[in-house]
């Protein structure tokens, strides 16, 4: 699975759950590869354009996209995503 494919899967999950993704108010900002999954981050377009902290999303964990093709899921923001991926290792295959 490529970075681009992981971003597309994350976008589809978020668009299904969050209207701001569909309208372009929130955007995918990056994808980071891990051994068994990608973590895909997103942020408000207003923050990307203005840089003002008051425009930023807070408390939003990344979307985890398993490289195996298993269902993607939203990680918590309060714990390192690497730990969360390691805990889900068996379900990521």
PDB file of N, CA and C in Angstrom:
ATOM      1  N   UNK A   1       0.844  -1.171   0.000  1.00  0.00           N
ATOM      2  CA  UNK A   1       0.000   0.000   0.000  1.00  0.00           C
ATOM      3  C   UNK A   1       0.895   1.241   0.000  1.00  0.00           C
ATOM      4  N   UNK A   2       0.535   2.205  -0.790  1.00  0.00           N
ATOM      5  CA  UNK A   2       1.311   3.441  -0.888  1.00  0.00           C
ATOM      6  C   UNK A   2       0.744   4.526   0.029  1.00  0.00           C
ATOM      7  N   UNK A   3       1.541   5.564   0.209  1.00  0.00           N
ATOM      8  CA  UNK A   3       1.129   6.755   0.950  1.00  0.00           C
ATOM      9  C   UNK A   3      -0.173   7.300   0.361  1.00  0.00           C
ATOM     10  N   UNK A   4      -0.223   7.415  -0.949  1.00  0.00           N
ATOM     11  CA  UNK A   4      -1.405   7.967  -1.634  1.00  0.00           C
ATOM     12  C   UNK A   4      -2.646   7.109  -1.388  1.00  0.00           C
ATOM     13  N   UNK A   5      -2.501   5.793  -1.437  1.00  0.00           N
ATOM     14  CA  UNK A   5      -3.635   4.899  -1.173  1.00  0.00           C
ATOM     15  C   UNK A   5      -4.108   5.029   0.274  1.00  0.00           C
ATOM     16  N   UNK A   6      -3.168   5.118   1.210  1.00  0.00           N
ATOM     17  CA  UNK A   6      -3.521   5.280   2.621  1.00  0.00           C
ATOM     18  C   UNK A   6      -4.279   6.586   2.841  1.00  0.00           C
ATOM     19  N   UNK A   7      -3.829   7.649   2.197  1.00  0.00           N
ATOM     20  CA  UNK A   7      -4.526   8.941   2.312  1.00  0.00           C
ATOM     21  C   UNK A   7      -5.952   8.846   1.772  1.00  0.00           C
ATOM     22  N   UNK A   8      -6.124   8.146   0.660  1.00  0.00           N
ATOM     23  CA  UNK A   8      -7.454   7.982   0.074  1.00  0.00           C
ATOM     24  C   UNK A   8      -8.391   7.200   0.982  1.00  0.00           C
ATOM     25  N   UNK A   9      -7.883   6.144   1.596  1.00  0.00           N
ATOM     26  CA  UNK A   9      -8.694   5.341   2.517  1.00  0.00           C
ATOM     27  C   UNK A   9      -9.076   6.168   3.738  1.00  0.00           C
ATOM     28  N   UNK A  10      -8.112   6.922   4.275  1.00  0.00           N
ATOM     29  CA  UNK A  10      -8.393   7.776   5.434  1.00  0.00           C
ATOM     30  C   UNK A  10      -9.417   8.842   5.073  1.00  0.00           C
ATOM     31  N   UNK A  11      -9.277   9.440   3.902  1.00  0.00           N
ATOM     32  CA  UNK A  11     -10.217  10.463   3.471  1.00  0.00           C
ATOM     33  C   UNK A  11     -11.629   9.886   3.396  1.00  0.00           C
ATOM     34  N   UNK A  12     -11.768   8.687   2.842  1.00  0.00           N
ATOM     35  CA  UNK A  12     -13.089   8.058   2.710  1.00  0.00           C
ATOM     36  C   UNK A  12     -13.706   7.808   4.091  1.00  0.00           C
ATOM     37  N   UNK A  13     -12.906   7.317   5.044  1.00  0.00           N
ATOM     38  CA  UNK A  13     -13.422   7.087   6.394  1.00  0.00           C
ATOM     39  C   UNK A  13     -13.882   8.394   7.023  1.00  0.00           C
ATOM     40  N   UNK A  14     -13.041   9.413   6.943  1.00  0.00           N
ATOM     41  CA  UNK A  14     -13.388  10.701   7.536  1.00  0.00           C
ATOM     42  C   UNK A  14     -14.581  11.345   6.832  1.00  0.00           C
ATOM     43  N   UNK A  15     -14.652  11.258   5.523  1.00  0.00           N
ATOM     44  CA  UNK A  15     -15.758  11.853   4.776  1.00  0.00           C
ATOM     45  C   UNK A  15     -17.084  11.202   5.144  1.00  0.00           C
ATOM     46  N   UNK A  16     -17.025   9.911   5.463  1.00  0.00           N
ATOM     47  CA  UNK A  16     -18.229   9.191   5.873  1.00  0.00           C
ATOM     48  C   UNK A  16     -18.712   9.648   7.241  1.00  0.00           C
ATOM     49  N   UNK A  17     -17.795  10.085   8.098  1.00  0.00           N
ATOM     50  CA  UNK A  17     -18.132  10.433   9.479  1.00  0.00           C
ATOM     51  C   UNK A  17     -18.174  11.926   9.770  1.00  0.00           C
ATOM     52  N   UNK A  18     -17.444  12.714   8.987  1.00  0.00           N
ATOM     53  CA  UNK A  18     -17.247  14.123   9.334  1.00  0.00           C
ATOM     54  C   UNK A  18     -17.505  15.003   8.111  1.00  0.00           C
ATOM     55  N   UNK A  19     -18.548  15.793   8.181  1.00  0.00           N
ATOM     56  CA  UNK A  19     -18.924  16.655   7.062  1.00  0.00           C
ATOM     57  C   UNK A  19     -17.863  17.656   6.659  1.00  0.00           C
ATOM     58  N   UNK A  20     -17.047  18.101   7.622  1.00  0.00           N
ATOM     59  CA  UNK A  20     -16.020  19.100   7.308  1.00  0.00           C
ATOM     60  C   UNK A  20     -14.983  18.575   6.326  1.00  0.00           C
ATOM     61  N   UNK A  21     -14.771  17.280   6.301  1.00  0.00           N
ATOM     62  CA  UNK A  21     -13.853  16.695   5.317  1.00  0.00           C
ATOM     63  C   UNK A  21     -14.478  16.803   3.926  1.00  0.00           C
ATOM     64  N   UNK A  22     -15.758  16.463   3.821  1.00  0.00           N
ATOM     65  CA  UNK A  22     -16.437  16.511   2.515  1.00  0.00           C
ATOM     66  C   UNK A  22     -16.462  17.916   1.944  1.00  0.00           C
ATOM     67  N   UNK A  23     -16.598  18.925   2.799  1.00  0.00           N
ATOM     68  CA  UNK A  23     -16.686  20.299   2.316  1.00  0.00           C
ATOM     69  C   UNK A  23     -15.337  20.942   2.076  1.00  0.00           C
ATOM     70  N   UNK A  24     -14.266  20.270   2.499  1.00  0.00           N
ATOM     71  CA  UNK A  24     -12.930  20.835   2.322  1.00  0.00           C
ATOM     72  C   UNK A  24     -12.498  21.732   3.459  1.00  0.00           C
ATOM     73  N   UNK A  25     -13.334  21.844   4.531  1.00  0.00           N
ATOM     74  CA  UNK A  25     -12.953  22.661   5.678  1.00  0.00           C
ATOM     75  C   UNK A  25     -11.826  21.994   6.469  1.00  0.00           C
ATOM     76  N   UNK A  26     -11.748  20.664   6.404  1.00  0.00           N
ATOM     77  CA  UNK A  26     -10.657  19.906   6.988  1.00  0.00           C
ATOM     78  C   UNK A  26      -9.930  19.207   5.863  1.00  0.00           C
ATOM     79  N   UNK A  27      -8.624  19.048   5.988  1.00  0.00           N
ATOM     80  CA  UNK A  27      -7.835  18.435   4.916  1.00  0.00           C
ATOM     81  C   UNK A  27      -6.840  17.421   5.486  1.00  0.00           C
ATOM     82  N   UNK A  28      -6.490  16.439   4.661  1.00  0.00           N
ATOM     83  CA  UNK A  28      -5.449  15.478   5.003  1.00  0.00           C
ATOM     84  C   UNK A  28      -4.117  16.218   4.934  1.00  0.00           C
ATOM     85  N   UNK A  29      -3.306  16.102   5.988  1.00  0.00           N
ATOM     86  CA  UNK A  29      -2.052  16.866   6.029  1.00  0.00           C
ATOM     87  C   UNK A  29      -0.797  16.015   5.965  1.00  0.00           C
ATOM     88  N   UNK A  30      -0.934  14.703   6.143  1.00  0.00           N
ATOM     89  CA  UNK A  30       0.261  13.875   6.082  1.00  0.00           C
ATOM     90  C   UNK A  30      -0.052  12.417   6.333  1.00  0.00           C
ATOM     91  N   UNK A  31       0.881  11.565   5.909  1.00  0.00           N
ATOM     92  CA  UNK A  31       0.785  10.130   6.159  1.00  0.00           C
ATOM     93  C   UNK A  31       2.160   9.644   6.582  1.00  0.00           C
ATOM     94  N   UNK A  32       2.188   8.882   7.662  1.00  0.00           N
ATOM     95  CA  UNK A  32       3.455   8.374   8.197  1.00  0.00           C
ATOM     96  C   UNK A  32       3.399   6.847   8.188  1.00  0.00           C
ATOM     97  N   UNK A  33       4.384   6.243   7.588  1.00  0.00           N
ATOM     98  CA  UNK A  33       4.436   4.797   7.501  1.00  0.00           C
ATOM     99  C   UNK A  33       4.968   4.154   8.770  1.00  0.00           C
ATOM    100  N   UNK A  34       4.306   3.102   9.198  1.00  0.00           N
ATOM    101  CA  UNK A  34       4.732   2.266  10.319  1.00  0.00           C
ATOM    102  C   UNK A  34       4.875   0.850   9.761  1.00  0.00           C
ATOM    103  N   UNK A  35       5.346  -0.080  10.550  1.00  0.00           N
ATOM    104  CA  UNK A  35       5.578  -1.437  10.062  1.00  0.00           C
ATOM    105  C   UNK A  35       4.311  -2.070   9.485  1.00  0.00           C
ATOM    106  N   UNK A  36       3.196  -1.949  10.183  1.00  0.00           N
ATOM    107  CA  UNK A  36       1.974  -2.642   9.762  1.00  0.00           C
ATOM    108  C   UNK A  36       0.841  -1.723   9.336  1.00  0.00           C
ATOM    109  N   UNK A  37       1.066  -0.412   9.413  1.00  0.00           N
ATOM    110  CA  UNK A  37      -0.023   0.527   9.113  1.00  0.00           C
ATOM    111  C   UNK A  37       0.532   1.897   8.740  1.00  0.00           C
ATOM    112  N   UNK A  38      -0.361   2.721   8.228  1.00  0.00           N
ATOM    113  CA  UNK A  38      -0.077   4.139   8.005  1.00  0.00           C
ATOM    114  C   UNK A  38      -0.875   4.921   9.038  1.00  0.00           C
ATOM    115  N   UNK A  39      -0.333   6.014   9.563  1.00  0.00           N
ATOM    116  CA  UNK A  39      -1.113   6.955  10.362  1.00  0.00           C
ATOM    117  C   UNK A  39      -1.267   8.214   9.508  1.00  0.00           C
ATOM    118  N   UNK A  40      -2.501   8.609   9.317  1.00  0.00           N
ATOM    119  CA  UNK A  40      -2.826   9.720   8.416  1.00  0.00           C
ATOM    120  C   UNK A  40      -3.426  10.858   9.243  1.00  0.00           C
ATOM    121  N   UNK A  41      -2.778  12.007   9.193  1.00  0.00           N
ATOM    122  CA  UNK A  41      -3.218  13.160   9.981  1.00  0.00           C
ATOM    123  C   UNK A  41      -4.083  14.093   9.150  1.00  0.00           C
ATOM    124  N   UNK A  42      -4.869  14.884   9.865  1.00  0.00           N
ATOM    125  CA  UNK A  42      -5.752  15.861   9.225  1.00  0.00           C
ATOM    126  C   UNK A  42      -5.835  17.092  10.117  1.00  0.00           C
ATOM    127  N   UNK A  43      -6.198  18.222   9.510  1.00  0.00           N
ATOM    128  CA  UNK A  43      -6.238  19.489  10.234  1.00  0.00           C
ATOM    129  C   UNK A  43      -7.227  20.410   9.526  1.00  0.00           C
ATOM    130  N   UNK A  44      -7.625  21.464  10.191  1.00  0.00           N
ATOM    131  CA  UNK A  44      -8.554  22.414   9.570  1.00  0.00           C
ATOM    132  C   UNK A  44      -7.819  23.219   8.495  1.00  0.00           C
ATOM    133  N   UNK A  45      -8.526  23.466   7.413  1.00  0.00           N
ATOM    134  CA  UNK A  45      -7.955  24.278   6.337  1.00  0.00           C
ATOM    135  C   UNK A  45      -7.629  25.680   6.863  1.00  0.00           C
ATOM    136  N   UNK A  46      -8.484  26.212   7.749  1.00  0.00           N
ATOM    137  CA  UNK A  46      -8.259  27.552   8.301  1.00  0.00           C
ATOM    138  C   UNK A  46      -6.904  27.630   9.008  1.00  0.00           C
ATOM    139  N   UNK A  47      -6.545  26.606   9.785  1.00  0.00           N
ATOM    140  CA  UNK A  47      -5.253  26.605  10.470  1.00  0.00           C
ATOM    141  C   UNK A  47      -4.105  26.517   9.466  1.00  0.00           C
ATOM    142  N   UNK A  48      -4.244  25.656   8.465  1.00  0.00           N
ATOM    143  CA  UNK A  48      -3.200  25.506   7.453  1.00  0.00           C
ATOM    144  C   UNK A  48      -2.933  26.847   6.773  1.00  0.00           C
ATOM    145  N   UNK A  49      -4.010  27.578   6.486  1.00  0.00           N
ATOM    146  CA  UNK A  49      -3.869  28.851   5.772  1.00  0.00           C
ATOM    147  C   UNK A  49      -3.431  30.004   6.670  1.00  0.00           C
ATOM    148  N   UNK A  50      -3.910  30.028   7.929  1.00  0.00           N
ATOM    149  CA  UNK A  50      -3.635  31.182   8.792  1.00  0.00           C
ATOM    150  C   UNK A  50      -2.472  30.965   9.754  1.00  0.00           C
ATOM    151  N   UNK A  51      -2.265  29.716  10.176  1.00  0.00           N
ATOM    152  CA  UNK A  51      -1.253  29.428  11.183  1.00  0.00           C
ATOM    153  C   UNK A  51      -1.668  29.823  12.593  1.00  0.00           C
ATOM    154  N   UNK A  52      -2.889  30.322  12.742  1.00  0.00           N
ATOM    155  CA  UNK A  52      -3.379  30.734  14.064  1.00  0.00           C
ATOM    156  C   UNK A  52      -3.820  29.508  14.863  1.00  0.00           C
ATOM    157  N   UNK A  53      -3.318  29.396  16.081  1.00  0.00           N
ATOM    158  CA  UNK A  53      -3.663  28.268  16.938  1.00  0.00           C
ATOM    159  C   UNK A  53      -5.169  28.203  17.176  1.00  0.00           C
ATOM    160  N   UNK A  54      -5.815  29.333  17.216  1.00  0.00           N
ATOM    161  CA  UNK A  54      -7.266  29.357  17.451  1.00  0.00           C
ATOM    162  C   UNK A  54      -8.046  28.699  16.310  1.00  0.00           C
ATOM    163  N   UNK A  55      -7.431  28.512  15.155  1.00  0.00           N
ATOM    164  CA  UNK A  55      -8.079  27.845  14.018  1.00  0.00           C
ATOM    165  C   UNK A  55      -7.789  26.346  13.969  1.00  0.00           C
ATOM    166  N   UNK A  56      -6.915  25.863  14.851  1.00  0.00           N
ATOM    167  CA  UNK A  56      -6.471  24.469  14.796  1.00  0.00           C
ATOM    168  C   UNK A  56      -7.489  23.518  15.407  1.00  0.00           C
ATOM    169  N   UNK A  57      -7.535  22.307  14.862  1.00  0.00           N
ATOM    170  CA  UNK A  57      -8.270  21.224  15.508  1.00  0.00           C
ATOM    171  C   UNK A  57      -7.437  20.762  16.684  1.00  0.00           C
ATOM    172  N   UNK A  58      -8.069  20.382  17.748  1.00  0.00           N
ATOM    173  CA  UNK A  58      -7.351  19.862  18.914  1.00  0.00           C
ATOM    174  C   UNK A  58      -8.035  18.578  19.360  1.00  0.00           C
ATOM    175  N   UNK A  59      -7.242  17.611  19.769  1.00  0.00           N
ATOM    176  CA  UNK A  59      -7.805  16.369  20.263  1.00  0.00           C
ATOM    177  C   UNK A  59      -8.171  15.377  19.181  1.00  0.00           C
ATOM    178  N   UNK A  60      -7.721  15.613  17.984  1.00  0.00           N
ATOM    179  CA  UNK A  60      -8.016  14.696  16.880  1.00  0.00           C
ATOM    180  C   UNK A  60      -6.827  13.786  16.633  1.00  0.00           C
ATOM    181  N   UNK A  61      -7.020  12.499  16.907  1.00  0.00           N
ATOM    182  CA  UNK A  61      -5.979  11.522  16.614  1.00  0.00           C
ATOM    183  C   UNK A  61      -5.984  11.190  15.137  1.00  0.00           C
ATOM    184  N   UNK A  62      -4.910  10.598  14.647  1.00  0.00           N
ATOM    185  CA  UNK A  62      -4.831  10.249  13.225  1.00  0.00           C
ATOM    186  C   UNK A  62      -5.726   9.065  12.881  1.00  0.00           C
ATOM    187  N   UNK A  63      -5.970   8.897  11.601  1.00  0.00           N
ATOM    188  CA  UNK A  63      -6.621   7.696  11.101  1.00  0.00           C
ATOM    189  C   UNK A  63      -5.534   6.650  10.905  1.00  0.00           C
ATOM    190  N   UNK A  64      -5.758   5.445  11.403  1.00  0.00           N
ATOM    191  CA  UNK A  64      -4.809   4.349  11.208  1.00  0.00           C
ATOM    192  C   UNK A  64      -5.332   3.485  10.073  1.00  0.00           C
ATOM    193  N   UNK A  65      -4.517   3.330   9.045  1.00  0.00           N
ATOM    194  CA  UNK A  65      -4.878   2.539   7.870  1.00  0.00           C
ATOM    195  C   UNK A  65      -3.958   1.322   7.819  1.00  0.00           C
ATOM    196  N   UNK A  66      -4.478   0.137   8.189  1.00  0.00           N
ATOM    197  CA  UNK A  66      -3.645  -1.064   8.153  1.00  0.00           C
ATOM    198  C   UNK A  66      -3.162  -1.376   6.734  1.00  0.00           C
ATOM    199  N   UNK A  67      -1.916  -1.732   6.595  1.00  0.00           N
ATOM    200  CA  UNK A  67      -1.360  -2.077   5.288  1.00  0.00           C
ATOM    201  C   UNK A  67      -1.930  -3.381   4.755  1.00  0.00           C
ATOM    202  N   UNK A  68      -2.522  -4.177   5.644  1.00  0.00           N
ATOM    203  CA  UNK A  68      -3.105  -5.466   5.254  1.00  0.00           C
ATOM    204  C   UNK A  68      -4.426  -5.325   4.518  1.00  0.00           C
ATOM    205  N   UNK A  69      -5.018  -4.125   4.575  1.00  0.00           N
ATOM    206  CA  UNK A  69      -6.340  -3.936   3.986  1.00  0.00           C
ATOM    207  C   UNK A  69      -7.460  -4.064   5.002  1.00  0.00           C
ATOM    208  N   UNK A  70      -7.125  -4.343   6.273  1.00  0.00           N
ATOM    209  CA  UNK A  70      -8.134  -4.386   7.330  1.00  0.00           C
ATOM    210  C   UNK A  70      -8.769  -3.003   7.470  1.00  0.00           C
ATOM    211  N   UNK A  71      -9.896  -2.941   8.159  1.00  0.00           N
ATOM    212  CA  UNK A  71     -10.623  -1.679   8.302  1.00  0.00           C
ATOM    213  C   UNK A  71      -9.790  -0.607   9.001  1.00  0.00           C
ATOM    214  N   UNK A  72      -9.843   0.619   8.506  1.00  0.00           N
ATOM    215  CA  UNK A  72      -9.154   1.729   9.163  1.00  0.00           C
ATOM    216  C   UNK A  72      -9.895   2.119  10.438  1.00  0.00           C
ATOM    217  N   UNK A  73      -9.207   2.813  11.341  1.00  0.00           N
ATOM    218  CA  UNK A  73      -9.821   3.258  12.585  1.00  0.00           C
ATOM    219  C   UNK A  73      -9.163   4.542  13.060  1.00  0.00           C
ATOM    220  N   UNK A  74      -9.869   5.257  13.923  1.00  0.00           N
ATOM    221  CA  UNK A  74      -9.366   6.510  14.472  1.00  0.00           C
ATOM    222  C   UNK A  74      -8.588   6.239  15.754  1.00  0.00           C
ATOM    223  N   UNK A  75      -7.363   6.722  15.800  1.00  0.00           N
ATOM    224  CA  UNK A  75      -6.541   6.594  17.001  1.00  0.00           C
ATOM    225  C   UNK A  75      -6.911   7.700  17.986  1.00  0.00           C
ATOM    226  N   UNK A  76      -6.596   7.490  19.244  1.00  0.00           N
ATOM    227  CA  UNK A  76      -6.792   8.515  20.258  1.00  0.00           C
ATOM    228  C   UNK A  76      -5.680   9.540  20.142  1.00  0.00           C
ATOM    229  N   UNK A  77      -5.973  10.741  20.542  1.00  0.00           N
ATOM    230  CA  UNK A  77      -4.940  11.779  20.485  1.00  0.00           C
ATOM    231  C   UNK A  77      -4.052  11.780  21.718  1.00  0.00           C
ATOM    232  N   UNK A  78      -4.492  11.175  22.806  1.00  0.00           N
ATOM    233  CA  UNK A  78      -3.765  11.258  24.062  1.00  0.00           C
ATOM    234  C   UNK A  78      -2.670  10.225  24.269  1.00  0.00           C
ATOM    235  N   UNK A  79      -2.483   9.330  23.295  1.00  0.00           N
ATOM    236  CA  UNK A  79      -1.443   8.297  23.406  1.00  0.00           C
ATOM    237  C   UNK A  79      -0.680   8.211  22.101  1.00  0.00           C
ATOM    238  N   UNK A  80       0.595   7.863  22.159  1.00  0.00           N
ATOM    239  CA  UNK A  80       1.351   7.732  20.914  1.00  0.00           C
ATOM    240  C   UNK A  80       0.703   6.706  19.975  1.00  0.00           C
ATOM    241  N   UNK A  81       0.597   7.077  18.714  1.00  0.00           N
ATOM    242  CA  UNK A  81      -0.047   6.195  17.742  1.00  0.00           C
ATOM    243  C   UNK A  81       0.716   4.881  17.600  1.00  0.00           C
ATOM    244  N   UNK A  82       2.034   4.912  17.793  1.00  0.00           N
ATOM    245  CA  UNK A  82       2.829   3.684  17.701  1.00  0.00           C
ATOM    246  C   UNK A  82       2.369   2.653  18.731  1.00  0.00           C
ATOM    247  N   UNK A  83       2.053   3.113  19.947  1.00  0.00           N
ATOM    248  CA  UNK A  83       1.563   2.207  20.985  1.00  0.00           C
ATOM    249  C   UNK A  83       0.207   1.613  20.601  1.00  0.00           C
ATOM    250  N   UNK A  84      -0.652   2.450  20.054  1.00  0.00           N
ATOM    251  CA  UNK A  84      -1.980   1.991  19.671  1.00  0.00           C
ATOM    252  C   UNK A  84      -1.911   0.983  18.521  1.00  0.00           C
ATOM    253  N   UNK A  85      -1.028   1.229  17.575  1.00  0.00           N
ATOM    254  CA  UNK A  85      -0.850   0.289  16.467  1.00  0.00           C
ATOM    255  C   UNK A  85      -0.309  -1.026  17.001  1.00  0.00           C
ATOM    256  N   UNK A  86       0.652  -0.967  17.926  1.00  0.00           N
ATOM    257  CA  UNK A  86       1.222  -2.201  18.500  1.00  0.00           C
ATOM    258  C   UNK A  86       0.156  -3.012  19.229  1.00  0.00           C
ATOM    259  N   UNK A  87      -0.762  -2.338  19.920  1.00  0.00           N
ATOM    260  CA  UNK A  87      -1.841  -3.032  20.626  1.00  0.00           C
ATOM    261  C   UNK A  87      -2.804  -3.709  19.662  1.00  0.00           C
ATOM    262  N   UNK A  88      -2.958  -3.152  18.478  1.00  0.00           N
ATOM    263  CA  UNK A  88      -3.866  -3.701  17.475  1.00  0.00           C
ATOM    264  C   UNK A  88      -3.153  -4.617  16.492  1.00  0.00           C
ATOM    265  N   UNK A  89      -1.918  -4.948  16.752  1.00  0.00           N
ATOM    266  CA  UNK A  89      -1.079  -5.704  15.804  1.00  0.00           C
ATOM    267  C   UNK A  89      -1.793  -6.930  15.240  1.00  0.00           C
ATOM    268  N   UNK A  90      -2.461  -7.724  16.058  1.00  0.00           N
ATOM    269  CA  UNK A  90      -3.112  -8.946  15.583  1.00  0.00           C
ATOM    270  C   UNK A  90      -4.288  -8.645  14.660  1.00  0.00           C
ATOM    271  N   UNK A  91      -4.974  -7.535  14.896  1.00  0.00           N
ATOM    272  CA  UNK A  91      -6.121  -7.211  14.040  1.00  0.00           C
ATOM    273  C   UNK A  91      -5.719  -6.464  12.783  1.00  0.00           C
ATOM    274  N   UNK A  92      -4.461  -6.081  12.672  1.00  0.00           N
ATOM    275  CA  UNK A  92      -3.990  -5.340  11.491  1.00  0.00           C
ATOM    276  C   UNK A  92      -3.606  -6.260  10.353  1.00  0.00           C
ATOM    277  N   UNK A  93      -3.584  -7.553  10.581  1.00  0.00           N
ATOM    278  CA  UNK A  93      -3.144  -8.507   9.554  1.00  0.00           C
ATOM    279  C   UNK A  93      -4.273  -8.960   8.689  1.00  0.00           C
TER     280      UNK A  93
END
